[in-house]
C-alpha atoms as a PDB file:
ATOM      1  CA  MET A   1     183.174  78.837  10.435  1.00  0.00           C
ATOM      2  CA  ASN A   2     183.165  76.546   7.383  1.00  0.00           C
ATOM      3  CA  ALA A   3     184.220  72.929   7.894  1.00  0.00           C
ATOM      4  CA  THR A   4     187.368  73.546   5.840  1.00  0.00           C
ATOM      5  CA  PRO A   5     188.052  77.293   5.898  1.00  0.00           C
ATOM      6  CA  PRO A   6     191.084  78.557   3.978  1.00  0.00           C
ATOM      7  CA  VAL A   7     194.173  78.666   6.163  1.00  0.00           C
ATOM      8  CA  SER A   8     197.254  80.903   6.264  1.00  0.00           C
ATOM      9  CA  VAL A   9     200.421  79.382   7.706  1.00  0.00           C
ATOM     10  CA  ILE A  10     202.959  81.974   8.886  1.00  0.00           C
ATOM     11  CA  MET A  11     206.630  81.222   9.524  1.00  0.00           C
ATOM     12  CA  PRO A  12     209.257  83.534  11.044  1.00  0.00           C
ATOM     13  CA  VAL A  13     212.668  82.263   9.943  1.00  0.00           C
ATOM     14  CA  LEU A  14     216.260  83.208  10.636  1.00  0.00           C
ATOM     15  CA  ASP A  15     219.250  80.956   9.944  1.00  0.00           C
ATOM     16  CA  GLU A  16     217.053  77.917   9.317  1.00  0.00           C
ATOM     17  CA  GLU A  17     218.817  76.258   6.370  1.00  0.00           C
ATOM     18  CA  ARG A  18     219.010  72.998   8.304  1.00  0.00           C
ATOM     19  CA  HIS A  19     215.271  72.511   8.772  1.00  0.00           C
ATOM     20  CA  LEU A  20     213.314  74.969   6.588  1.00  0.00           C
ATOM     21  CA  ARG A  21     212.681  72.706   3.609  1.00  0.00           C
ATOM     22  CA  SER A  22     211.462  69.866   5.815  1.00  0.00           C
ATOM     23  CA  ALA A  23     209.267  72.205   7.879  1.00  0.00           C
ATOM     24  CA  VAL A  24     207.564  73.583   4.761  1.00  0.00           C
ATOM     25  CA  ARG A  25     207.120  70.083   3.343  1.00  0.00           C
ATOM     26  CA  HIS A  26     205.270  69.062   6.512  1.00  0.00           C
ATOM     27  CA  ILE A  27     202.924  72.012   5.936  1.00  0.00           C
ATOM     28  CA  LEU A  28     202.269  71.421   2.254  1.00  0.00           C
ATOM     29  CA  GLU A  29     201.594  67.717   2.846  1.00  0.00           C
ATOM     30  CA  GLN A  30     198.892  68.365   5.455  1.00  0.00           C
ATOM     31  CA  GLU A  31     195.807  66.141   5.283  1.00  0.00           C
ATOM     32  CA  TYR A  32     193.505  69.129   4.854  1.00  0.00           C
ATOM     33  CA  ASP A  33     190.909  69.735   2.141  1.00  0.00           C
ATOM     34  CA  GLY A  34     190.751  73.519   2.446  1.00  0.00           C
ATOM     35  CA  GLU A  35     192.834  76.122   0.636  1.00  0.00           C
ATOM     36  CA  MET A  36     196.225  76.850   2.177  1.00  0.00           C
ATOM     37  CA  GLU A  37     198.956  79.439   1.796  1.00  0.00           C
ATOM     38  CA  VAL A  38     202.392  79.640   3.441  1.00  0.00           C
ATOM     39  CA  VAL A  39     203.935  83.041   4.186  1.00  0.00           C
ATOM     40  CA  ILE A  40     207.598  82.942   5.229  1.00  0.00           C
ATOM     41  CA  ALA A  41     208.975  86.077   6.910  1.00  0.00           C
ATOM     42  CA  LEU A  42     212.687  86.216   6.163  1.00  0.00           C
ATOM     43  CA  GLY A  43     215.073  87.742   8.674  1.00  0.00           C
ATOM     44  CA  PRO A  44     218.690  88.673   7.816  1.00  0.00           C
ATOM     45  CA  SER A  45     220.059  85.114   7.801  1.00  0.00           C
ATOM     46  CA  ARG A  46     223.754  84.348   7.536  1.00  0.00           C
ATOM     47  CA  ASP A  47     223.270  80.926   5.939  1.00  0.00           C
ATOM     48  CA  ARG A  48     221.364  79.588   2.899  1.00  0.00           C
ATOM     49  CA  THR A  49     217.888  80.234   4.342  1.00  0.00           C
ATOM     50  CA  ASP A  50     216.947  82.886   1.755  1.00  0.00           C
ATOM     51  CA  GLU A  51     218.150  80.706  -1.108  1.00  0.00           C
ATOM     52  CA  ILE A  52     216.135  77.729   0.132  1.00  0.00           C
ATOM     53  CA  ALA A  53     213.049  79.928   0.615  1.00  0.00           C
ATOM     54  CA  ALA A  54     213.370  81.203  -2.969  1.00  0.00           C
ATOM     55  CA  GLU A  55     213.513  77.620  -4.201  1.00  0.00           C
ATOM     56  CA  LEU A  56     210.364  76.771  -2.253  1.00  0.00           C
ATOM     57  CA  VAL A  57     208.526  79.748  -3.797  1.00  0.00           C
ATOM     58  CA  ARG A  58     209.495  78.614  -7.290  1.00  0.00           C
ATOM     59  CA  GLU A  59     208.443  75.042  -6.590  1.00  0.00           C
ATOM     60  CA  ASP A  60     204.980  75.700  -5.142  1.00  0.00           C
ATOM     61  CA  PRO A  61     202.622  78.656  -5.812  1.00  0.00           C
ATOM     62  CA  ARG A  62     201.200  78.354  -2.302  1.00  0.00           C
ATOM     63  CA  VAL A  63     204.461  79.609  -0.794  1.00  0.00           C
ATOM     64  CA  ARG A  64     205.349  83.331  -0.565  1.00  0.00           C
ATOM     65  CA  THR A  65     207.950  85.342   1.327  1.00  0.00           C
ATOM     66  CA  VAL A  66     207.971  88.742   3.009  1.00  0.00           C
ATOM     67  CA  PRO A  67     210.983  90.624   4.395  1.00  0.00           C
ATOM     68  CA  ASN A  68     211.682  91.017   8.097  1.00  0.00           C
ATOM     69  CA  PRO A  69     214.743  93.296   8.201  1.00  0.00           C
ATOM     70  CA  THR A  70     214.752  93.540  12.010  1.00  0.00           C
ATOM     71  CA  GLY A  71     215.165  89.790  12.448  1.00  0.00           C
ATOM     72  CA  ARG A  72     212.833  89.934  15.456  1.00  0.00           C
ATOM     73  CA  THR A  73     210.295  87.134  15.766  1.00  0.00           C
ATOM     74  CA  PRO A  74     207.245  89.277  16.661  1.00  0.00           C
ATOM     75  CA  ALA A  75     207.949  91.664  13.777  1.00  0.00           C
ATOM     76  CA  ALA A  76     208.229  88.676  11.434  1.00  0.00           C
ATOM     77  CA  LEU A  77     204.928  87.276  12.672  1.00  0.00           C
ATOM     78  CA  ASN A  78     203.131  90.579  12.235  1.00  0.00           C
ATOM     79  CA  ALA A  79     204.547  91.015   8.726  1.00  0.00           C
ATOM     80  CA  ALA A  80     203.441  87.527   7.759  1.00  0.00           C
ATOM     81  CA  VAL A  81     199.960  88.023   9.231  1.00  0.00           C
ATOM     82  CA  LYS A  82     199.589  91.302   7.317  1.00  0.00           C
ATOM     83  CA  ALA A  83     200.639  89.629   4.051  1.00  0.00           C
ATOM     84  CA  SER A  84     198.317  86.661   4.555  1.00  0.00           C
ATOM     85  CA  ARG A  85     194.605  86.672   3.801  1.00  0.00           C
ATOM     86  CA  HIS A  86     192.735  83.711   5.284  1.00  0.00           C
ATOM     87  CA  PRO A  87     190.464  83.556   8.389  1.00  0.00           C
ATOM     88  CA  VAL A  88     192.533  80.915  10.209  1.00  0.00           C
ATOM     89  CA  VAL A  89     196.191  81.700  10.954  1.00  0.00           C
ATOM     90  CA  VAL A  90     198.587  78.870  11.843  1.00  0.00           C
ATOM     91  CA  ARG A  91     201.931  79.774  13.388  1.00  0.00           C
ATOM     92  CA  VAL A  92     204.839  77.438  12.614  1.00  0.00           C
ATOM     93  CA  ASP A  93     208.553  77.923  13.274  1.00  0.00           C
ATOM     94  CA  GLY A  94     211.288  77.130  10.785  1.00  0.00           C
ATOM     95  CA  HIS A  95     212.392  74.124  12.870  1.00  0.00           C
ATOM     96  CA  GLY A  96     208.899  72.811  13.677  1.00  0.00           C
ATOM     97  CA  MET A  97     207.445  69.767  11.899  1.00  0.00           C
ATOM     98  CA  LEU A  98     203.634  69.541  11.935  1.00  0.00           C
ATOM     99  CA  SER A  99     201.945  66.176  12.359  1.00  0.00           C
ATOM    100  CA  PRO A 100     199.964  65.226   9.200  1.00  0.00           C
ATOM    101  CA  ASP A 101     196.525  66.064  10.648  1.00  0.00           C
ATOM    102  CA  TYR A 102     197.620  69.148  12.608  1.00  0.00           C
ATOM    103  CA  VAL A 103     195.733  71.780  10.607  1.00  0.00           C
ATOM    104  CA  ALA A 104     192.564  69.703  10.231  1.00  0.00           C
ATOM    105  CA  THR A 105     192.496  68.911  13.958  1.00  0.00           C
ATOM    106  CA  ALA A 106     193.155  72.539  14.930  1.00  0.00           C
ATOM    107  CA  VAL A 107     190.374  73.868  12.687  1.00  0.00           C
ATOM    108  CA  ARG A 108     187.969  71.313  14.160  1.00  0.00           C
ATOM    109  CA  LEU A 109     188.935  72.314  17.703  1.00  0.00           C
ATOM    110  CA  LEU A 110     188.433  76.018  16.951  1.00  0.00           C
ATOM    111  CA  GLU A 111     184.888  75.192  15.840  1.00  0.00           C
ATOM    112  CA  GLU A 112     184.096  72.787  18.694  1.00  0.00           C
ATOM    113  CA  THR A 113     185.493  74.893  21.548  1.00  0.00           C
ATOM    114  CA  GLY A 114     184.858  78.422  20.308  1.00  0.00           C
ATOM    115  CA  ALA A 115     188.453  79.221  21.269  1.00  0.00           C
ATOM    116  CA  GLN A 116     190.398  82.133  19.836  1.00  0.00           C
ATOM    117  CA  ASN A 117     193.616  80.109  19.786  1.00  0.00           C
ATOM    118  CA  VAL A 118     194.303  76.379  20.009  1.00  0.00           C
ATOM    119  CA  GLY A 119     197.628  74.624  20.363  1.00  0.00           C
ATOM    120  CA  GLY A 120     199.215  71.446  21.572  1.00  0.00           C
ATOM    121  CA  VAL A 121     202.428  69.680  22.429  1.00  0.00           C
ATOM    122  CA  MET A 122     205.932  70.837  21.589  1.00  0.00           C
ATOM    123  CA  HIS A 123     207.320  67.352  20.932  1.00  0.00           C
ATOM    124  CA  ALA A 124     211.070  67.802  21.110  1.00  0.00           C
ATOM    125  CA  GLU A 125     213.143  65.307  19.108  1.00  0.00           C
ATOM    126  CA  GLY A 126     216.907  65.239  18.725  1.00  0.00           C
ATOM    127  CA  GLU A 127     219.111  64.104  15.856  1.00  0.00           C
ATOM    128  CA  ASN A 128     222.215  63.301  17.946  1.00  0.00           C
ATOM    129  CA  ALA A 129     223.034  62.399  21.567  1.00  0.00           C
ATOM    130  CA  TRP A 130     223.119  65.993  22.829  1.00  0.00           C
ATOM    131  CA  GLU A 131     219.861  66.992  21.128  1.00  0.00           C
ATOM    132  CA  GLU A 132     218.203  63.802  22.401  1.00  0.00           C
ATOM    133  CA  ALA A 133     219.293  64.741  25.925  1.00  0.00           C
ATOM    134  CA  VAL A 134     217.870  68.250  25.539  1.00  0.00           C
ATOM    135  CA  ALA A 135     214.645  66.824  24.124  1.00  0.00           C
ATOM    136  CA  ALA A 136     214.306  64.517  27.129  1.00  0.00           C
ATOM    137  CA  ALA A 137     214.915  67.434  29.504  1.00  0.00           C
ATOM    138  CA  MET A 138     212.410  69.640  27.677  1.00  0.00           C
ATOM    139  CA  THR A 139     209.647  67.028  27.897  1.00  0.00           C
ATOM    140  CA  SER A 140     210.151  66.144  31.576  1.00  0.00           C
ATOM    141  CA  LYS A 141     208.546  67.759  34.609  1.00  0.00           C
ATOM    142  CA  ILE A 142     211.903  68.152  36.320  1.00  0.00           C
ATOM    143  CA  GLY A 143     212.996  70.159  33.299  1.00  0.00           C
ATOM    144  CA  VAL A 144     209.983  72.400  32.639  1.00  0.00           C
ATOM    145  CA  GLY A 145     207.561  71.864  35.519  1.00  0.00           C
ATOM    146  CA  ASN A 146     203.905  71.224  34.732  1.00  0.00           C
ATOM    147  CA  ALA A 147     203.751  73.070  31.399  1.00  0.00           C
ATOM    148  CA  ALA A 148     201.257  70.955  29.432  1.00  0.00           C
ATOM    149  CA  PHE A 149     202.567  72.060  26.062  1.00  0.00           C
ATOM    150  CA  HIS A 150     205.917  70.468  26.976  1.00  0.00           C
ATOM    151  CA  THR A 151     204.855  67.414  28.960  1.00  0.00           C
ATOM    152  CA  GLY A 152     201.326  66.730  27.682  1.00  0.00           C
ATOM    153  CA  GLY A 153     198.096  66.443  29.647  1.00  0.00           C
ATOM    154  CA  ALA A 154     194.344  66.590  29.317  1.00  0.00           C
ATOM    155  CA  ALA A 155     192.641  68.892  26.828  1.00  0.00           C
ATOM    156  CA  GLY A 156     191.207  72.087  28.271  1.00  0.00           C
ATOM    157  CA  PRO A 157     191.610  75.844  28.783  1.00  0.00           C
ATOM    158  CA  ALA A 158     195.224  76.995  29.131  1.00  0.00           C
ATOM    159  CA  ASP A 159     197.218  80.133  29.895  1.00  0.00           C
ATOM    160  CA  THR A 160     199.254  79.653  26.736  1.00  0.00           C
ATOM    161  CA  VAL A 161     199.988  77.032  24.083  1.00  0.00           C
ATOM    162  CA  TYR A 162     202.875  76.192  21.814  1.00  0.00           C
ATOM    163  CA  LEU A 163     202.816  78.210  18.564  1.00  0.00           C
ATOM    164  CA  GLY A 164     199.037  78.402  18.092  1.00  0.00           C
ATOM    165  CA  VAL A 165     196.252  78.291  15.504  1.00  0.00           C
ATOM    166  CA  PHE A 166     194.287  81.550  15.693  1.00  0.00           C
ATOM    167  CA  ARG A 167     191.090  83.047  14.474  1.00  0.00           C
ATOM    168  CA  ARG A 168     192.276  86.031  12.480  1.00  0.00           C
ATOM    169  CA  GLU A 169     189.848  88.354  14.256  1.00  0.00           C
ATOM    170  CA  ALA A 170     191.544  87.559  17.590  1.00  0.00           C
ATOM    171  CA  LEU A 171     194.908  88.697  16.207  1.00  0.00           C
ATOM    172  CA  GLU A 172     193.371  91.809  14.667  1.00  0.00           C
ATOM    173  CA  GLN A 173     191.500  92.713  17.845  1.00  0.00           C
ATOM    174  CA  GLN A 174     194.738  92.604  19.838  1.00  0.00           C
ATOM    175  CA  GLY A 175     196.800  94.431  17.216  1.00  0.00           C
ATOM    176  CA  GLY A 176     198.959  91.358  16.619  1.00  0.00           C
ATOM    177  CA  TYR A 177     202.132  90.511  18.510  1.00  0.00           C
ATOM    178  CA  ASN A 178     203.846  93.176  20.598  1.00  0.00           C
ATOM    179  CA  VAL A 179     207.069  93.824  18.676  1.00  0.00           C
ATOM    180  CA  GLU A 180     208.875  94.874  21.854  1.00  0.00           C
ATOM    181  CA  PHE A 181     208.791  91.283  23.151  1.00  0.00           C
ATOM    182  CA  VAL A 182     211.825  89.708  21.509  1.00  0.00           C
ATOM    183  CA  ARG A 183     210.967  86.552  23.496  1.00  0.00           C
ATOM    184  CA  ALA A 184     207.807  85.442  25.334  1.00  0.00           C
ATOM    185  CA  GLN A 185     205.653  87.090  22.659  1.00  0.00           C
ATOM    186  CA  ASP A 186     203.332  84.058  22.543  1.00  0.00           C
ATOM    187  CA  TRP A 187     202.662  84.102  26.281  1.00  0.00           C
ATOM    188  CA  GLU A 188     202.117  87.863  26.259  1.00  0.00           C
ATOM    189  CA  LEU A 189     199.671  87.745  23.321  1.00  0.00           C
ATOM    190  CA  ASN A 190     197.720  84.872  24.852  1.00  0.00           C
ATOM    191  CA  PHE A 191     197.516  86.804  28.125  1.00  0.00           C
ATOM    192  CA  ARG A 192     195.897  89.730  26.284  1.00  0.00           C
ATOM    193  CA  ILE A 193     193.489  87.424  24.454  1.00  0.00           C
ATOM    194  CA  ARG A 194     192.416  85.837  27.751  1.00  0.00           C
ATOM    195  CA  ARG A 195     192.071  89.212  29.464  1.00  0.00           C
ATOM    196  CA  ALA A 196     189.750  90.308  26.642  1.00  0.00           C
ATOM    197  CA  GLY A 197     187.525  87.312  27.354  1.00  0.00           C
ATOM    198  CA  GLY A 198     188.914  84.913  24.749  1.00  0.00           C
ATOM    199  CA  LEU A 199     189.593  81.217  25.299  1.00  0.00           C
ATOM    200  CA  ILE A 200     193.008  79.590  24.776  1.00  0.00           C
ATOM    201  CA  TRP A 201     192.616  75.822  24.324  1.00  0.00           C
ATOM    202  CA  PHE A 202     195.246  73.106  24.771  1.00  0.00           C
ATOM    203  CA  SER A 203     194.865  69.701  23.139  1.00  0.00           C
ATOM    204  CA  PRO A 204     197.379  66.830  23.231  1.00  0.00           C
ATOM    205  CA  ASP A 205     196.032  65.819  19.815  1.00  0.00           C
ATOM    206  CA  LEU A 206     198.029  68.692  18.304  1.00  0.00           C
ATOM    207  CA  ARG A 207     201.695  67.779  18.044  1.00  0.00           C
ATOM    208  CA  VAL A 208     204.635  69.638  16.522  1.00  0.00           C
ATOM    209  CA  ARG A 209     208.038  67.985  16.313  1.00  0.00           C
ATOM    210  CA  TYR A 210     210.663  70.451  17.522  1.00  0.00           C
ATOM    211  CA  ARG A 211     214.414  70.358  16.976  1.00  0.00           C
ATOM    212  CA  PRO A 212     216.378  71.440  20.090  1.00  0.00           C
ATOM    213  CA  ARG A 213     219.351  73.779  20.102  1.00  0.00           C
ATOM    214  CA  PRO A 214     222.467  71.931  18.902  1.00  0.00           C
ATOM    215  CA  THR A 215     225.016  73.112  21.520  1.00  0.00           C
ATOM    216  CA  VAL A 216     225.244  73.879  25.243  1.00  0.00           C
ATOM    217  CA  ARG A 217     225.979  77.507  24.436  1.00  0.00           C
ATOM    218  CA  ALA A 218     222.933  77.844  22.165  1.00  0.00           C
ATOM    219  CA  LEU A 219     220.675  76.194  24.758  1.00  0.00           C
ATOM    220  CA  ALA A 220     222.017  78.480  27.499  1.00  0.00           C
ATOM    221  CA  LYS A 221     221.336  81.581  25.410  1.00  0.00           C
ATOM    222  CA  GLN A 222     217.831  80.347  24.569  1.00  0.00           C
ATOM    223  CA  TYR A 223     216.896  79.806  28.213  1.00  0.00           C
ATOM    224  CA  LYS A 224     218.619  82.952  29.448  1.00  0.00           C
ATOM    225  CA  ASP A 225     216.469  84.906  26.982  1.00  0.00           C
ATOM    226  CA  TYR A 226     213.361  83.006  28.102  1.00  0.00           C
ATOM    227  CA  GLY A 227     213.982  83.966  31.731  1.00  0.00           C
ATOM    228  CA  ARG A 228     214.861  87.562  30.902  1.00  0.00           C
ATOM    229  CA  TRP A 229     211.729  88.152  28.862  1.00  0.00           C
ATOM    230  CA  ARG A 230     209.422  86.207  31.165  1.00  0.00           C
ATOM    231  CA  ARG A 231     210.290  88.717  33.880  1.00  0.00           C
ATOM    232  CA  VAL A 232     209.522  91.552  31.465  1.00  0.00           C
ATOM    233  CA  VAL A 233     206.090  89.978  30.939  1.00  0.00           C
ATOM    234  CA  GLY A 234     205.635  89.857  34.713  1.00  0.00           C
ATOM    235  CA  ARG A 235     206.441  93.551  35.038  1.00  0.00           C
ATOM    236  CA  TYR A 236     204.283  94.428  32.022  1.00  0.00           C
ATOM    237  CA  HIS A 237     201.342  92.358  33.277  1.00  0.00           C
ATOM    238  CA  PRO A 238     201.560  92.441  37.111  1.00  0.00           C
ATOM    239  CA  GLY A 239     200.222  89.308  38.769  1.00  0.00           C
ATOM    240  CA  SER A 240     200.978  87.049  35.820  1.00  0.00           C
ATOM    241  CA  LEU A 241     203.932  85.218  37.416  1.00  0.00           C
ATOM    242  CA  GLY A 242     203.179  81.826  38.956  1.00  0.00           C
ATOM    243  CA  LEU A 243     205.360  79.782  41.303  1.00  0.00           C
ATOM    244  CA  ARG A 244     206.659  77.676  38.400  1.00  0.00           C
ATOM    245  CA  TYR A 245     208.405  80.722  36.969  1.00  0.00           C
ATOM    246  CA  LEU A 246     210.074  81.553  40.283  1.00  0.00           C
ATOM    247  CA  ALA A 247     211.620  78.095  40.788  1.00  0.00           C
ATOM    248  CA  PRO A 248     214.700  78.550  38.529  1.00  0.00           C
ATOM    249  CA  PRO A 249     215.818  81.903  40.029  1.00  0.00           C
ATOM    250  CA  ALA A 250     215.211  80.532  43.522  1.00  0.00           C
ATOM    251  CA  ALA A 251     217.319  77.469  42.710  1.00  0.00           C
ATOM    252  CA  LEU A 252     220.126  79.622  41.317  1.00  0.00           C
ATOM    253  CA  CYS A 253     220.161  81.827  44.427  1.00  0.00           C
ATOM    254  CA  ALA A 254     220.201  78.771  46.708  1.00  0.00           C
ATOM    255  CA  LEU A 255     223.052  77.189  44.750  1.00  0.00           C
ATOM    256  CA  ALA A 256     225.103  80.396  44.826  1.00  0.00           C
ATOM    257  CA  ALA A 257     224.487  80.888  48.548  1.00  0.00           C
ATOM    258  CA  GLY A 258     225.255  77.267  49.380  1.00  0.00           C
ATOM    259  CA  THR A 259     228.484  77.321  47.396  1.00  0.00           C
ATOM    260  CA  LEU A 260     229.598  80.594  48.993  1.00  0.00           C
ATOM    261  CA  VAL A 261     228.872  79.319  52.492  1.00  0.00           C
ATOM    262  CA  GLY A 262     230.580  76.023  51.717  1.00  0.00           C
ATOM    263  CA  VAL A 263     233.746  77.707  50.482  1.00  0.00           C
ATOM    264  CA  ALA A 264     233.930  80.545  53.022  1.00  0.00           C
ATOM    265  CA  LEU A 265     232.392  79.140  56.213  1.00  0.00           C
ATOM    266  CA  THR A 266     231.514  75.471  56.451  1.00  0.00           C
ATOM    267  CA  PRO A 267     231.491  72.479  54.113  1.00  0.00           C
ATOM    268  CA  LEU A 268     227.862  71.933  55.117  1.00  0.00           C
ATOM    269  CA  GLY A 269     226.921  74.664  52.667  1.00  0.00           C
ATOM    270  CA  LEU A 270     228.053  72.432  49.812  1.00  0.00           C
ATOM    271  CA  MET A 271     225.136  70.142  50.596  1.00  0.00           C
ATOM    272  CA  VAL A 272     222.943  72.511  48.573  1.00  0.00           C
ATOM    273  CA  PRO A 273     224.767  72.133  45.224  1.00  0.00           C
ATOM    274  CA  ALA A 274     225.346  68.453  45.991  1.00  0.00           C
ATOM    275  CA  GLY A 275     221.637  67.994  46.621  1.00  0.00           C
ATOM    276  CA  TYR A 276     220.772  69.769  43.382  1.00  0.00           C
ATOM    277  CA  LEU A 277     223.189  67.601  41.428  1.00  0.00           C
ATOM    278  CA  ALA A 278     221.696  64.483  43.007  1.00  0.00           C
ATOM    279  CA  ALA A 279     218.169  65.670  42.188  1.00  0.00           C
ATOM    280  CA  ILE A 280     218.810  66.339  38.499  1.00  0.00           C
ATOM    281  CA  THR A 281     220.778  63.098  38.184  1.00  0.00           C
ATOM    282  CA  ALA A 282     217.896  61.119  39.702  1.00  0.00           C
ATOM    283  CA  GLY A 283     215.376  63.050  37.599  1.00  0.00           C
ATOM    284  CA  SER A 284     217.302  62.268  34.440  1.00  0.00           C
ATOM    285  CA  LEU A 285     216.804  58.516  34.893  1.00  0.00           C
ATOM    286  CA  PRO A 286     213.083  58.373  34.011  1.00  0.00           C
ATOM    287  CA  ALA A 287     213.528  61.164  31.453  1.00  0.00           C
ATOM    288  CA  GLY A 288     216.175  59.153  29.620  1.00  0.00           C
ATOM    289  CA  ARG A 289     214.332  55.871  29.241  1.00  0.00           C
ATOM    290  CA  GLY A 290     214.917  54.357  25.825  1.00  0.00           C
ATOM    291  CA  LEU A 291     217.861  56.621  24.966  1.00  0.00           C
ATOM    292  CA  SER A 292     221.450  55.608  24.348  1.00  0.00           C
ATOM    293  CA  PRO A 293     223.894  55.729  27.290  1.00  0.00           C
ATOM    294  CA  LYS A 294     225.617  58.657  25.581  1.00  0.00           C
ATOM    295  CA  ALA A 295     222.378  60.674  25.495  1.00  0.00           C
ATOM    296  CA  ARG A 296     221.342  59.715  29.046  1.00  0.00           C
ATOM    297  CA  ALA A 297     224.698  60.887  30.393  1.00  0.00           C
ATOM    298  CA  ARG A 298     224.060  64.366  28.964  1.00  0.00           C
ATOM    299  CA  ILE A 299     220.598  64.913  30.463  1.00  0.00           C
ATOM    300  CA  PRO A 300     221.843  66.345  33.809  1.00  0.00           C
ATOM    301  CA  LEU A 301     223.934  68.905  31.898  1.00  0.00           C
ATOM    302  CA  ALA A 302     220.928  69.841  29.774  1.00  0.00           C
ATOM    303  CA  LEU A 303     218.737  70.207  32.883  1.00  0.00           C
ATOM    304  CA  ALA A 304     221.280  72.350  34.707  1.00  0.00           C
ATOM    305  CA  THR A 305     221.809  74.531  31.631  1.00  0.00           C
ATOM    306  CA  MET A 306     218.071  75.117  31.276  1.00  0.00           C
ATOM    307  CA  HIS A 307     217.404  75.798  34.968  1.00  0.00           C
ATOM    308  CA  LEU A 308     220.386  78.026  35.697  1.00  0.00           C
ATOM    309  CA  SER A 309     220.309  79.966  32.440  1.00  0.00           C
ATOM    310  CA  TRP A 310     216.591  80.684  32.859  1.00  0.00           C
ATOM    311  CA  GLY A 311     217.163  81.740  36.470  1.00  0.00           C
ATOM    312  CA  PHE A 312     220.120  83.953  35.531  1.00  0.00           C
ATOM    313  CA  GLY A 313     218.117  85.627  32.763  1.00  0.00           C
ATOM    314  CA  PHE A 314     215.221  86.244  35.139  1.00  0.00           C
ATOM    315  CA  LEU A 315     217.382  87.692  37.928  1.00  0.00           C
ATOM    316  CA  THR A 316     219.395  89.956  35.627  1.00  0.00           C
ATOM    317  CA  SER A 317     216.494  91.184  33.499  1.00  0.00           C
ATOM    318  CA  PRO A 318     216.910  94.985  33.599  1.00  0.00           C
ATOM    319  CA  ARG A 319     214.058  97.196  34.735  1.00  0.00           C
ATOM    320  CA  SER A 320     214.967  99.559  31.907  1.00  0.00           C
ATOM    321  CA  LEU A 321     213.907  96.884  29.421  1.00  0.00           C
ATOM    322  CA  ALA A 322     210.537  96.518  31.100  1.00  0.00           C
ATOM    323  CA  ARG A 323     210.111 100.300  31.234  1.00  0.00           C
ATOM    324  CA  LYS A 324     210.786 100.503  27.490  1.00  0.00           C
ATOM    325  CA  VAL A 325     208.168  97.829  26.814  1.00  0.00           C
ATOM    326  CA  ILE A 326     205.630  99.432  29.163  1.00  0.00           C
ATOM    327  CA  ALA A 327     206.130 102.784  27.429  1.00  0.00           C
ATOM    328  CA  SER A 328     205.017 101.163  24.169  1.00  0.00           C
ATOM    329  CA  ARG A 329     201.755  99.888  25.670  1.00  0.00           C
ATOM    330  CA  ARG A 330     198.774 100.245  23.346  1.00  0.00           C
ATOM    331  CA  PRO A 331     195.315 101.278  24.528  1.00  0.00           C
ATOM    332  CA  GLU A 332     193.399  98.218  25.688  1.00  0.00           C
ATOM    333  CA  PRO A 333     190.996  96.874  23.027  1.00  0.00           C
ATOM    334  CA  ALA A 334     187.341  96.471  23.934  1.00  0.00           C
ATOM    335  CA  ARG A 335     186.452  93.176  25.585  1.00  0.00           C
ATOM    336  CA  GLY A 336     184.858  90.671  23.264  1.00  0.00           C
END
């Protein structure tokens, strides 16, 4: 690989009027000497996203758009990959802000490690008290366990990474993203890359600023979908579920059982939900260091929303959804 190979940045966007212009600016201002293009895949937005994207295309010849009529993230990613042309493919979301040296560092790591995909830390940052609380929850171990791309850690091989910077041949070998995975498409693709013998590499030197969901309802839907589709991945790739993924559904079952026992049989059962509340309240104290009192007070709610919504999505994920995804399975590509 050349020291500064040309790079394609792909962006799936839907209802991103709030952050799209800033996200693209962080791409175009990268400290990178190689050629760069930005391909934005436009879903059927209900806000000014398309108008802002058209303005960006007019303002800079490096920016192009492609349609994504389904609105699904994996379909958008595949459309953008197909429309792009360079040997390194950088995935960015419409609400992700790349650090200035992100592309240069990622290209260097691809060369140094021989990895097929490199990625780093999803550095959540809020713009108000609620979003700051969610950001604190999303970057704490009590919120997301030991996921390095949320909490940081040492560089090294990983099961998956946030977003990702790929060698194009890795995407082509795997046939791109599986369009049936409305969520968890990154984890599923990285699983296939690893199974084919490829290396996924995590580095804390790669940082993307992420804007959390702005309401409790939006956060609950996000994490319910995460849990639902993570179980589909587990059924699609048996043996891929670790203990970390089973903690939220186990917690939800324990809370439901404890509450039922406490109401119907003995108040002792209420010790389970009381213990959970005490645990997330205590866990929110270190997570909220440096935040305003208003933001710190919201961290337990953010933690509970994430845990219980993820667990509910996992437990209620229908087998019919997994069967539909399994029926679409492609023949396995040859191992590299």
